[in-house]
């Protein structure tokens, strides 16, 4: 069986998981990373690189 994670806002599939040998599919609502970043629910990653001589 496959589990499809569908974004509540953009309605796109953002993840698929395999849940074993059973037949069928399950739809699970959630929020994809892009929509979460637009809404401010996830902070944008900051790449701090430090170089020393």
Protein backbone atom coordinates (compact mmCIF):
# COMPACT_ATOMS: atom_id res chain seq x y z
CA UNK A 1 0.00 0.00 0.00
CA UNK A 2 1.22 3.49 -0.76
CA UNK A 3 0.58 6.56 1.38
CA UNK A 4 0.35 9.84 -0.53
CA UNK A 5 0.96 13.04 1.45
CA UNK A 6 -0.96 15.89 -0.23
CA UNK A 7 -0.50 19.56 0.64
CA UNK A 8 -3.65 21.20 2.03
CA UNK A 9 -2.86 24.46 0.23
CA UNK A 10 -1.34 23.73 -3.20
CA UNK A 11 -2.90 20.22 -3.40
CA UNK A 12 0.31 18.67 -4.77
CA UNK A 13 1.77 15.35 -3.64
CA UNK A 14 4.87 16.16 -1.58
CA UNK A 15 5.76 12.70 -0.28
CA UNK A 16 4.99 9.06 -0.98
CA UNK A 17 5.63 6.26 1.52
CA UNK A 18 5.30 2.52 1.13
CA UNK A 19 3.35 1.01 4.02
CA UNK A 20 3.69 -2.67 3.33
CA UNK A 21 2.17 -5.35 1.17
CA UNK A 22 -1.51 -4.45 1.58
CA UNK A 23 -3.52 -3.32 -1.46
CA UNK A 24 -4.80 0.23 -1.77
CA UNK A 25 -3.75 3.82 -1.25
CA UNK A 26 -4.25 6.32 1.56
CA UNK A 27 -4.33 10.10 1.20
CA UNK A 28 -2.93 12.10 4.13
CA UNK A 29 -3.29 15.88 4.29
CA UNK A 30 -0.40 18.03 5.40
CA UNK A 31 1.63 21.03 4.31
CA UNK A 32 4.51 20.80 1.85
CA UNK A 33 7.82 22.49 2.62
CA UNK A 34 7.33 25.24 0.00
CA UNK A 35 3.94 26.30 1.40
CA UNK A 36 5.23 26.09 4.97
CA UNK A 37 8.13 28.40 4.08
CA UNK A 38 5.77 30.88 2.36
CA UNK A 39 3.54 30.97 5.44
CA UNK A 40 6.51 31.39 7.79
CA UNK A 41 6.00 28.05 9.54
CA UNK A 42 9.52 26.91 8.65
CA UNK A 43 12.56 29.11 8.84
CA UNK A 44 14.62 29.37 5.69
CA UNK A 45 17.94 27.61 6.09
CA UNK A 46 20.83 30.00 6.67
CA UNK A 47 24.18 28.75 5.47
CA UNK A 48 26.84 30.21 7.71
CA UNK A 49 30.25 29.46 6.34
CA UNK A 50 33.26 30.70 8.22
CA UNK A 51 36.68 30.86 6.61
CA UNK A 52 39.80 31.40 8.65
CA UNK A 53 43.35 32.14 7.51
